[in-house]
């Protein structure tokens, strides 16, 4: 052998290999035993990790729902604003119509008062016309009677001063 090993080295090397084999065997047997005897903390950690994953997925789902609710809220706000604008416009139209109605009622009352006043004037005018027609017909009848000679007024200058009535001659006397 070109290379000579010290005589102490061979038993040390053998001892080392035997120790390594024994340690590997003990480790293998210990790991089997560890596999059957789990540490409860490991189970707790795994459980907490699973809870975290569930909570993260629930949080993501909640974020999605929140976003959809925000979109619905924005749409609802826009709808409410549009409705408020329509209501305001309708209220303005209603106020305008009420004002026009009030003005119309006032004008109607004024026109009724004027109509009543004119009707009163018309009634008075008709009454005067009837009076004038009556006077005219009486005057016409008197003139006709005078023209036909049925009525003959005899006037004397003395009678007018005394305040007596003139004599009427005719068929009635």
N, C-alpha and C. Protein backbone atom coordinates (compact mmCIF):
# COMPACT_ATOMS: atom_id res chain seq x y z
N UNK A 1 0.83 -1.14 0.00
CA UNK A 1 0.00 0.00 0.00
C UNK A 1 0.89 1.23 0.00
N UNK A 2 0.61 1.97 -0.88
CA UNK A 2 1.49 3.13 -0.94
C UNK A 2 1.21 4.05 0.24
N UNK A 3 0.06 3.94 0.68
CA UNK A 3 -0.27 4.84 1.76
C UNK A 3 -0.52 3.99 2.99
N UNK A 4 0.14 4.27 4.04
CA UNK A 4 0.00 3.46 5.24
C UNK A 4 -0.83 4.20 6.27
N UNK A 5 -1.73 3.47 6.84
CA UNK A 5 -2.57 4.07 7.85
C UNK A 5 -2.02 3.72 9.21
N UNK A 6 -2.12 4.64 10.06
CA UNK A 6 -1.66 4.30 11.40
C UNK A 6 -2.57 3.22 11.96
N UNK A 7 -2.01 2.49 12.81
CA UNK A 7 -2.75 1.36 13.35
C UNK A 7 -3.87 1.83 14.27
N UNK A 8 -3.77 2.94 14.83
CA UNK A 8 -4.82 3.47 15.71
C UNK A 8 -6.00 4.01 14.89
N UNK A 9 -5.73 4.30 13.71
CA UNK A 9 -6.75 4.92 12.89
C UNK A 9 -7.83 3.92 12.48
N UNK A 10 -7.52 2.73 12.22
CA UNK A 10 -8.49 1.75 11.79
C UNK A 10 -9.51 1.48 12.88
N UNK A 11 -9.10 1.24 14.13
CA UNK A 11 -10.13 1.03 15.13
C UNK A 11 -10.95 2.32 15.36
N UNK A 12 -10.35 3.49 15.19
CA UNK A 12 -11.10 4.73 15.39
C UNK A 12 -12.12 4.91 14.27
N UNK A 13 -11.69 4.55 13.10
CA UNK A 13 -12.59 4.66 11.96
C UNK A 13 -13.75 3.67 12.09
N UNK A 14 -13.49 2.53 12.53
CA UNK A 14 -14.52 1.52 12.72
C UNK A 14 -15.48 1.99 13.81
N UNK A 15 -14.93 2.52 14.86
CA UNK A 15 -15.76 3.02 15.95
C UNK A 15 -16.63 4.17 15.45
N UNK A 16 -16.07 5.01 14.64
CA UNK A 16 -16.82 6.13 14.09
C UNK A 16 -17.96 5.65 13.22
N UNK A 17 -17.72 4.67 12.37
CA UNK A 17 -18.75 4.14 11.48
C UNK A 17 -19.83 3.46 12.31
N UNK A 18 -19.47 2.73 13.31
CA UNK A 18 -20.44 2.06 14.16
C UNK A 18 -21.28 3.10 14.90
N UNK A 19 -20.67 4.17 15.39
CA UNK A 19 -21.40 5.24 16.09
C UNK A 19 -22.37 5.95 15.14
N UNK A 20 -21.89 6.16 13.93
CA UNK A 20 -22.75 6.81 12.94
C UNK A 20 -23.96 5.96 12.63
N UNK A 21 -23.74 4.67 12.47
CA UNK A 21 -24.84 3.75 12.18
C UNK A 21 -25.80 3.69 13.37
N UNK A 22 -25.28 3.64 14.56
CA UNK A 22 -26.15 3.61 15.74
C UNK A 22 -26.96 4.92 15.86
N UNK A 23 -26.33 6.03 15.60
CA UNK A 23 -27.03 7.32 15.69
C UNK A 23 -28.11 7.41 14.63
N UNK A 24 -27.81 6.93 13.43
CA UNK A 24 -28.81 6.95 12.36
C UNK A 24 -29.98 6.07 12.71
N UNK A 25 -29.69 4.94 13.28
CA UNK A 25 -30.73 4.02 13.68
C UNK A 25 -31.59 4.60 14.79
N UNK A 26 -30.97 5.20 15.76
CA UNK A 26 -31.71 5.81 16.84
C UNK A 26 -32.55 6.99 16.33
N UNK A 27 -31.97 7.74 15.42
CA UNK A 27 -32.73 8.85 14.84
C UNK A 27 -33.94 8.35 14.08
N UNK A 28 -33.75 7.29 13.30
CA UNK A 28 -34.84 6.71 12.53
C UNK A 28 -35.93 6.18 13.45
N UNK A 29 -35.53 5.49 14.49
CA UNK A 29 -36.51 4.97 15.45
C UNK A 29 -37.19 6.12 16.21
N UNK A 30 -36.44 7.13 16.53
CA UNK A 30 -37.01 8.28 17.26
C UNK A 30 -37.97 9.06 16.39
N UNK A 31 -37.65 9.18 15.12
CA UNK A 31 -38.54 9.93 14.24
C UNK A 31 -39.85 9.19 14.01
N UNK A 32 -39.76 7.86 14.02
CA UNK A 32 -41.00 7.09 13.92
C UNK A 32 -41.85 7.30 15.15
N UNK A 33 -41.19 7.33 16.27
CA UNK A 33 -41.92 7.56 17.51
C UNK A 33 -42.48 8.97 17.55
N UNK A 34 -41.75 9.95 17.04
CA UNK A 34 -42.19 11.34 16.99
C UNK A 34 -43.38 11.50 16.05
N UNK A 35 -43.37 10.70 15.02
CA UNK A 35 -44.48 10.78 14.07
C UNK A 35 -45.77 10.30 14.72
N UNK A 36 -45.69 9.35 15.59
CA UNK A 36 -46.89 8.88 16.27
C UNK A 36 -47.25 9.79 17.44
N UNK A 37 -46.34 10.42 18.07
CA UNK A 37 -46.60 11.34 19.18
C UNK A 37 -46.39 12.78 18.68
N UNK A 38 -47.49 13.39 18.24
CA UNK A 38 -47.38 14.76 17.75
C UNK A 38 -47.42 15.72 18.91
N UNK A 39 -46.79 16.82 18.66
CA UNK A 39 -46.81 17.90 19.65
C UNK A 39 -48.13 18.66 19.49
N UNK A 40 -48.90 18.86 20.55
CA UNK A 40 -50.18 19.55 20.44
C UNK A 40 -50.02 21.00 19.95
N UNK A 41 -48.86 21.57 20.15
CA UNK A 41 -48.64 22.93 19.66
C UNK A 41 -48.64 22.98 18.14
N UNK A 42 -48.12 21.89 17.54
CA UNK A 42 -48.13 21.84 16.08
C UNK A 42 -49.56 21.81 15.55
N UNK A 43 -50.41 21.04 16.20
CA UNK A 43 -51.82 21.00 15.80
C UNK A 43 -52.47 22.38 15.96
N UNK A 44 -52.14 23.03 17.04
CA UNK A 44 -52.69 24.37 17.29
C UNK A 44 -52.20 25.34 16.21
N UNK A 45 -50.95 25.25 15.85
CA UNK A 45 -50.39 26.13 14.81
C UNK A 45 -51.10 25.87 13.49
N UNK A 46 -51.25 24.59 13.14
CA UNK A 46 -51.94 24.26 11.90
C UNK A 46 -53.38 24.76 11.92
N UNK A 47 -54.05 24.61 13.05
CA UNK A 47 -55.42 25.08 13.19
C UNK A 47 -55.49 26.60 13.03
N UNK A 48 -54.55 27.29 13.66
CA UNK A 48 -54.53 28.75 13.54
C UNK A 48 -54.22 29.19 12.10
N UNK A 49 -53.34 28.47 11.45
CA UNK A 49 -53.03 28.79 10.05
C UNK A 49 -54.27 28.59 9.18
N UNK A 50 -55.01 27.51 9.44
CA UNK A 50 -56.24 27.26 8.68
C UNK A 50 -57.26 28.37 8.97
N UNK A 51 -57.36 28.78 10.24
CA UNK A 51 -58.28 29.87 10.59
C UNK A 51 -57.89 31.17 9.89
N UNK A 52 -56.59 31.41 9.79
CA UNK A 52 -56.11 32.61 9.11
C UNK A 52 -56.51 32.57 7.63
N UNK A 53 -56.32 31.40 7.01
CA UNK A 53 -56.69 31.28 5.60
C UNK A 53 -58.20 31.49 5.42
N UNK A 54 -59.01 30.90 6.30
CA UNK A 54 -60.46 31.08 6.23
C UNK A 54 -60.82 32.55 6.45
N UNK A 55 -60.18 33.17 7.44
CA UNK A 55 -60.46 34.58 7.73
C UNK A 55 -60.04 35.47 6.55
N UNK A 56 -58.91 35.13 5.93
CA UNK A 56 -58.46 35.92 4.77
C UNK A 56 -59.45 35.78 3.61
N UNK A 57 -59.93 34.58 3.37
CA UNK A 57 -60.90 34.41 2.28
C UNK A 57 -62.22 35.11 2.63
N UNK A 58 -62.63 35.04 3.91
CA UNK A 58 -63.85 35.74 4.33
C UNK A 58 -63.67 37.25 4.21
N UNK A 59 -62.46 37.74 4.55
CA UNK A 59 -62.18 39.18 4.44
C UNK A 59 -62.21 39.61 2.98
N UNK A 60 -61.65 38.79 2.10
CA UNK A 60 -61.68 39.11 0.67
C UNK A 60 -63.12 39.14 0.16
N UNK A 61 -63.90 38.16 0.60
CA UNK A 61 -65.31 38.12 0.20
C UNK A 61 -66.05 39.34 0.75
N UNK A 62 -65.75 39.71 1.99
CA UNK A 62 -66.39 40.87 2.60
C UNK A 62 -65.98 42.15 1.88
N UNK A 63 -64.71 42.24 1.44
CA UNK A 63 -64.26 43.40 0.67
C UNK A 63 -65.03 43.50 -0.64
N UNK A 64 -65.22 42.36 -1.29
CA UNK A 64 -65.98 42.35 -2.54
C UNK A 64 -67.42 42.80 -2.30
N UNK A 65 -68.05 42.29 -1.24
CA UNK A 65 -69.42 42.68 -0.91
C UNK A 65 -69.48 44.17 -0.57
N UNK A 66 -68.47 44.64 0.19
CA UNK A 66 -68.41 46.05 0.55
C UNK A 66 -68.31 46.91 -0.70
N UNK A 67 -67.50 46.50 -1.63
CA UNK A 67 -67.36 47.25 -2.88
C UNK A 67 -68.68 47.27 -3.65
N UNK A 68 -69.36 46.12 -3.69
CA UNK A 68 -70.64 46.08 -4.39
C UNK A 68 -71.68 46.94 -3.66
N UNK A 69 -71.65 46.93 -2.32
CA UNK A 69 -72.56 47.78 -1.55
C UNK A 69 -72.25 49.26 -1.79
N UNK A 70 -70.97 49.59 -1.89
CA UNK A 70 -70.60 50.98 -2.17
C UNK A 70 -71.12 51.40 -3.54
N UNK A 71 -71.00 50.51 -4.52
CA UNK A 71 -71.50 50.82 -5.85
C UNK A 71 -73.02 51.01 -5.81
N UNK A 72 -73.71 50.13 -5.09
CA UNK A 72 -75.16 50.27 -4.95
C UNK A 72 -75.52 51.57 -4.24
N UNK A 73 -74.73 51.91 -3.22
CA UNK A 73 -74.96 53.15 -2.48
C UNK A 73 -74.77 54.36 -3.39
N UNK A 74 -73.71 54.34 -4.21
CA UNK A 74 -73.48 55.44 -5.14
C UNK A 74 -74.63 55.55 -6.13
N UNK A 75 -75.10 54.41 -6.64
CA UNK A 75 -76.23 54.42 -7.56
C UNK A 75 -77.49 54.95 -6.87
N UNK A 76 -77.69 54.53 -5.62
CA UNK A 76 -78.86 54.99 -4.87
C UNK A 76 -78.78 56.50 -4.62
N UNK A 77 -77.58 57.00 -4.28
CA UNK A 77 -77.41 58.43 -4.06
C UNK A 77 -77.71 59.20 -5.34
N UNK A 78 -77.21 58.69 -6.46
CA UNK A 78 -77.47 59.36 -7.74
C UNK A 78 -78.97 59.35 -8.04
N UNK A 79 -79.62 58.22 -7.79
CA UNK A 79 -81.07 58.13 -8.00
C UNK A 79 -81.83 59.09 -7.10
N UNK A 80 -81.41 59.18 -5.85
CA UNK A 80 -82.06 60.09 -4.91
C UNK A 80 -81.87 61.53 -5.35
N UNK A 81 -80.65 61.87 -5.81
CA UNK A 81 -80.42 63.23 -6.29
C UNK A 81 -81.30 63.55 -7.49
N UNK A 82 -81.43 62.57 -8.40
CA UNK A 82 -82.29 62.79 -9.56
C UNK A 82 -83.74 62.98 -9.11
N UNK A 83 -84.18 62.14 -8.17
CA UNK A 83 -85.55 62.27 -7.67
C UNK A 83 -85.75 63.60 -6.96
N UNK A 84 -84.73 64.03 -6.19
CA UNK A 84 -84.83 65.32 -5.51
C UNK A 84 -84.94 66.45 -6.53
N UNK A 85 -84.17 66.35 -7.62
CA UNK A 85 -84.26 67.37 -8.67
C UNK A 85 -85.64 67.38 -9.28
N UNK A 86 -86.19 66.20 -9.55
CA UNK A 86 -87.53 66.11 -10.14
C UNK A 86 -88.55 66.66 -9.15
N UNK A 87 -88.41 66.31 -7.88
CA UNK A 87 -89.36 66.80 -6.87
C UNK A 87 -89.27 68.32 -6.76
N UNK A 88 -88.05 68.85 -6.78
CA UNK A 88 -87.87 70.30 -6.70
C UNK A 88 -88.51 70.98 -7.90
N UNK A 89 -88.30 70.41 -9.07
CA UNK A 89 -88.89 70.95 -10.29
C UNK A 89 -90.42 70.90 -10.22
N UNK A 90 -90.95 69.76 -9.77
CA UNK A 90 -92.40 69.63 -9.64
C UNK A 90 -92.95 70.60 -8.60
N UNK A 91 -92.21 70.79 -7.51
CA UNK A 91 -92.64 71.73 -6.47
C UNK A 91 -92.66 73.14 -7.01
N UNK A 92 -91.65 73.48 -7.83
CA UNK A 92 -91.62 74.82 -8.43
C UNK A 92 -92.82 74.99 -9.37
N UNK A 93 -93.12 73.95 -10.17
CA UNK A 93 -94.28 74.02 -11.05
C UNK A 93 -95.56 74.17 -10.24
N UNK A 94 -95.66 73.41 -9.15
CA UNK A 94 -96.84 73.48 -8.29
C UNK A 94 -96.99 74.87 -7.68
N UNK A 95 -95.89 75.43 -7.19
CA UNK A 95 -95.94 76.78 -6.61
C UNK A 95 -96.36 77.79 -7.68
N UNK A 96 -95.82 77.63 -8.88
CA UNK A 96 -96.18 78.54 -9.97
C UNK A 96 -97.67 78.40 -10.31
N UNK A 97 -98.15 77.16 -10.36
CA UNK A 97 -99.57 76.93 -10.66
C UNK A 97 -100.45 77.49 -9.54
N UNK A 98 -100.02 77.33 -8.29
CA UNK A 98 -100.80 77.88 -7.18
C UNK A 98 -100.86 79.40 -7.27
N UNK A 99 -99.73 80.03 -7.61
CA UNK A 99 -99.71 81.48 -7.74
C UNK A 99 -100.61 81.93 -8.88
N UNK A 100 -100.54 81.20 -10.01
CA UNK A 100 -101.42 81.53 -11.13
C UNK A 100 -102.89 81.36 -10.74
N UNK A 101 -103.18 80.30 -9.98
CA UNK A 101 -104.56 80.08 -9.53
C UNK A 101 -105.02 81.21 -8.62
N UNK A 102 -104.15 81.65 -7.70
CA UNK A 102 -104.51 82.75 -6.81
C UNK A 102 -104.77 84.02 -7.62
N UNK A 103 -103.87 84.28 -8.57
CA UNK A 103 -104.04 85.47 -9.42
C UNK A 103 -105.33 85.36 -10.23
N UNK A 104 -105.61 84.17 -10.73
CA UNK A 104 -106.83 83.95 -11.49
C UNK A 104 -108.07 84.15 -10.62
N UNK A 105 -108.02 83.65 -9.40
CA UNK A 105 -109.16 83.82 -8.49
C UNK A 105 -109.38 85.30 -8.19
N UNK A 106 -108.29 86.01 -7.94
CA UNK A 106 -108.41 87.45 -7.66
C UNK A 106 -108.99 88.17 -8.87
N UNK A 107 -108.47 87.85 -10.07
CA UNK A 107 -108.98 88.48 -11.28
C UNK A 107 -110.44 88.12 -11.50
N UNK A 108 -110.80 86.87 -11.25
CA UNK A 108 -112.20 86.45 -11.40
C UNK A 108 -113.09 87.22 -10.44
N UNK A 109 -112.65 87.40 -9.22
CA UNK A 109 -113.44 88.17 -8.25
C UNK A 109 -113.60 89.61 -8.72
N UNK A 110 -112.50 90.19 -9.22
CA UNK A 110 -112.59 91.56 -9.72
C UNK A 110 -113.57 91.64 -10.89
N UNK A 111 -113.47 90.66 -11.80
CA UNK A 111 -114.38 90.66 -12.95
C UNK A 111 -115.82 90.45 -12.52
N UNK A 112 -116.06 89.60 -11.52
CA UNK A 112 -117.42 89.41 -11.01
C UNK A 112 -117.96 90.69 -10.39
N UNK A 113 -117.09 91.37 -9.63
CA UNK A 113 -117.52 92.63 -9.01
C UNK A 113 -117.85 93.65 -10.10
N UNK A 114 -117.00 93.73 -11.12
CA UNK A 114 -117.26 94.65 -12.22
C UNK A 114 -118.53 94.25 -12.97
N UNK A 115 -118.72 92.95 -13.18
CA UNK A 115 -119.93 92.46 -13.85
C UNK A 115 -121.17 92.79 -13.02
N UNK A 116 -121.07 92.59 -11.71
CA UNK A 116 -122.22 92.93 -10.85
C UNK A 116 -122.51 94.42 -10.90
N UNK A 117 -121.43 95.21 -10.91
CA UNK A 117 -121.61 96.66 -10.99
C UNK A 117 -122.25 97.05 -12.32
N UNK A 118 -121.80 96.44 -13.39
CA UNK A 118 -122.38 96.73 -14.70
C UNK A 118 -123.82 96.24 -14.78
N UNK A 119 -124.08 95.07 -14.17
CA UNK A 119 -125.45 94.56 -14.17
C UNK A 119 -126.36 95.52 -13.42
N UNK A 120 -125.86 96.06 -12.31
CA UNK A 120 -126.63 97.03 -11.54
C UNK A 120 -126.88 98.28 -12.38
N UNK A 121 -125.82 98.75 -13.04
CA UNK A 121 -125.96 99.91 -13.90
C UNK A 121 -126.95 99.62 -15.03
N UNK A 122 -126.87 98.41 -15.57
CA UNK A 122 -127.78 98.01 -16.65
C UNK A 122 -129.23 98.01 -16.17
N UNK A 123 -129.45 97.49 -14.96
CA UNK A 123 -130.81 97.46 -14.41
C UNK A 123 -131.32 98.88 -14.22
N UNK A 124 -130.44 99.76 -13.69
CA UNK A 124 -130.85 101.16 -13.51
C UNK A 124 -131.13 101.82 -14.85
N UNK A 125 -130.26 101.50 -15.84
CA UNK A 125 -130.45 102.09 -17.17
C UNK A 125 -131.76 101.59 -17.78
N UNK A 126 -132.05 100.30 -17.63
CA UNK A 126 -133.30 99.76 -18.16
C UNK A 126 -134.50 100.40 -17.47
N UNK A 127 -134.40 100.61 -16.17
CA UNK A 127 -135.50 101.26 -15.44
C UNK A 127 -135.70 102.69 -15.94
N UNK A 128 -134.60 103.40 -16.16
CA UNK A 128 -134.70 104.76 -16.68
C UNK A 128 -135.28 104.75 -18.08
N UNK A 129 -134.82 103.75 -18.89
CA UNK A 129 -135.35 103.65 -20.25
C UNK A 129 -136.85 103.40 -20.20
N UNK A 130 -137.31 102.53 -19.31
CA UNK A 130 -138.74 102.27 -19.18
C UNK A 130 -139.49 103.54 -18.76
N UNK A 131 -138.89 104.28 -17.82
CA UNK A 131 -139.51 105.53 -17.38
C UNK A 131 -139.61 106.51 -18.54
N UNK A 132 -138.48 106.61 -19.29
CA UNK A 132 -138.46 107.54 -20.43
C UNK A 132 -139.45 107.07 -21.49
N UNK A 133 -139.52 105.75 -21.73
CA UNK A 133 -140.47 105.21 -22.71
C UNK A 133 -141.90 105.50 -22.26
N UNK A 134 -142.12 105.31 -20.95
CA UNK A 134 -143.45 105.59 -20.41
C UNK A 134 -143.80 107.06 -20.59
N UNK A 135 -142.85 107.93 -20.22
CA UNK A 135 -143.08 109.36 -20.37
C UNK A 135 -143.28 109.72 -21.84
N UNK A 136 -142.47 109.08 -22.69
CA UNK A 136 -142.57 109.35 -24.12
C UNK A 136 -143.93 108.88 -24.66
N UNK A 137 -144.36 107.70 -24.22
CA UNK A 137 -145.65 107.20 -24.69
C UNK A 137 -146.79 108.08 -24.17
N UNK A 138 -146.65 108.55 -22.92
CA UNK A 138 -147.66 109.45 -22.38
C UNK A 138 -147.65 110.75 -23.16
N UNK A 139 -146.43 111.27 -23.41
CA UNK A 139 -146.33 112.53 -24.17
C UNK A 139 -146.87 112.32 -25.58
N UNK A 140 -146.58 111.18 -26.18
CA UNK A 140 -147.05 110.87 -27.53
C UNK A 140 -148.58 110.78 -27.54
N UNK A 141 -149.09 110.10 -26.49
CA UNK A 141 -150.54 109.97 -26.41
C UNK A 141 -151.17 111.34 -26.22
N UNK A 142 -150.58 112.16 -25.40
CA UNK A 142 -151.10 113.51 -25.16
C UNK A 142 -151.03 114.32 -26.44
N UNK A 143 -149.94 114.20 -27.15
CA UNK A 143 -149.78 114.94 -28.39
C UNK A 143 -150.79 114.46 -29.42
N UNK A 144 -151.01 113.14 -29.45
CA UNK A 144 -151.99 112.59 -30.38
C UNK A 144 -153.40 113.10 -30.01
N UNK A 145 -153.69 113.12 -28.75
CA UNK A 145 -154.99 113.60 -28.30
C UNK A 145 -155.15 115.09 -28.61
N UNK A 146 -154.09 115.83 -28.42
CA UNK A 146 -154.15 117.26 -28.74
C UNK A 146 -154.31 117.45 -30.24
N UNK A 147 -153.62 116.62 -30.98
CA UNK A 147 -153.67 116.75 -32.43
C UNK A 147 -155.06 116.38 -32.94
N UNK A 148 -155.69 115.41 -32.33
CA UNK A 148 -157.01 115.01 -32.76
C UNK A 148 -158.08 115.91 -32.19
N UNK A 149 -157.75 116.72 -31.23
CA UNK A 149 -158.69 117.66 -30.66
C UNK A 149 -159.48 117.09 -29.52
N UNK A 150 -159.12 115.91 -29.05
CA UNK A 150 -159.84 115.32 -27.93
C UNK A 150 -159.54 116.13 -26.68
N UNK A 151 -158.33 116.52 -26.52
CA UNK A 151 -157.96 117.34 -25.38
C UNK A 151 -157.82 118.78 -25.85
N UNK A 152 -158.43 119.64 -25.12
CA UNK A 152 -158.28 121.04 -25.48
C UNK A 152 -158.07 121.81 -24.19
N UNK A 153 -156.92 122.32 -24.07
CA UNK A 153 -156.60 123.10 -22.88
C UNK A 153 -156.97 124.55 -23.15
N UNK A 154 -157.70 125.07 -22.26
CA UNK A 154 -158.02 126.48 -22.39
C UNK A 154 -157.21 127.19 -21.32
N UNK A 155 -156.39 128.05 -21.80
CA UNK A 155 -155.57 128.79 -20.88
C UNK A 155 -156.06 130.23 -20.80
N UNK A 156 -156.14 130.68 -19.65
CA UNK A 156 -156.43 132.10 -19.49
C UNK A 156 -155.33 132.69 -18.65
N UNK A 157 -155.06 133.95 -18.89
CA UNK A 157 -153.96 134.58 -18.17
C UNK A 157 -154.29 134.72 -16.70
N UNK A 158 -155.51 134.86 -16.37
CA UNK A 158 -155.91 135.04 -14.99
C UNK A 158 -155.83 133.74 -14.22
N UNK A 159 -156.12 132.64 -14.90
CA UNK A 159 -156.16 131.36 -14.23
C UNK A 159 -154.79 130.89 -13.80
N UNK A 160 -153.77 131.22 -14.59
CA UNK A 160 -152.43 130.76 -14.27
C UNK A 160 -151.92 131.42 -13.02
N UNK A 161 -152.31 132.66 -12.81
CA UNK A 161 -151.83 133.37 -11.64
C UNK A 161 -152.52 132.89 -10.39
N UNK A 162 -153.75 132.48 -10.52
CA UNK A 162 -154.50 132.05 -9.36
C UNK A 162 -154.12 130.65 -8.95
N UNK A 163 -153.47 129.91 -9.81
CA UNK A 163 -153.00 128.59 -9.49
C UNK A 163 -154.03 127.56 -9.71
N UNK A 164 -155.01 127.86 -10.52
CA UNK A 164 -156.05 126.88 -10.79
C UNK A 164 -155.64 126.05 -11.99
N UNK A 165 -156.29 125.01 -12.14
CA UNK A 165 -155.99 124.08 -13.24
C UNK A 165 -156.73 124.58 -14.46
N UNK A 166 -156.16 124.32 -15.60
CA UNK A 166 -156.90 124.70 -16.82
C UNK A 166 -158.05 123.75 -17.02
N UNK A 167 -159.00 124.18 -17.71
CA UNK A 167 -160.16 123.36 -17.95
C UNK A 167 -159.89 122.48 -19.14
N UNK A 168 -160.38 121.31 -19.02
CA UNK A 168 -160.23 120.40 -20.12
C UNK A 168 -161.61 120.21 -20.71
N UNK A 169 -161.71 120.46 -21.96
CA UNK A 169 -162.98 120.27 -22.60
C UNK A 169 -162.91 119.05 -23.45
N UNK A 170 -163.93 118.41 -23.51
CA UNK A 170 -163.91 117.24 -24.35
C UNK A 170 -165.05 116.32 -24.00
N UNK A 171 -164.97 115.13 -24.45
CA UNK A 171 -166.02 114.18 -24.28
C UNK A 171 -166.18 113.77 -22.85
N UNK A 172 -165.15 113.87 -22.10
CA UNK A 172 -165.20 113.43 -20.72
C UNK A 172 -165.95 114.41 -19.85
N UNK A 173 -166.16 115.68 -20.25
CA UNK A 173 -166.80 116.68 -19.41
C UNK A 173 -168.27 116.59 -19.44
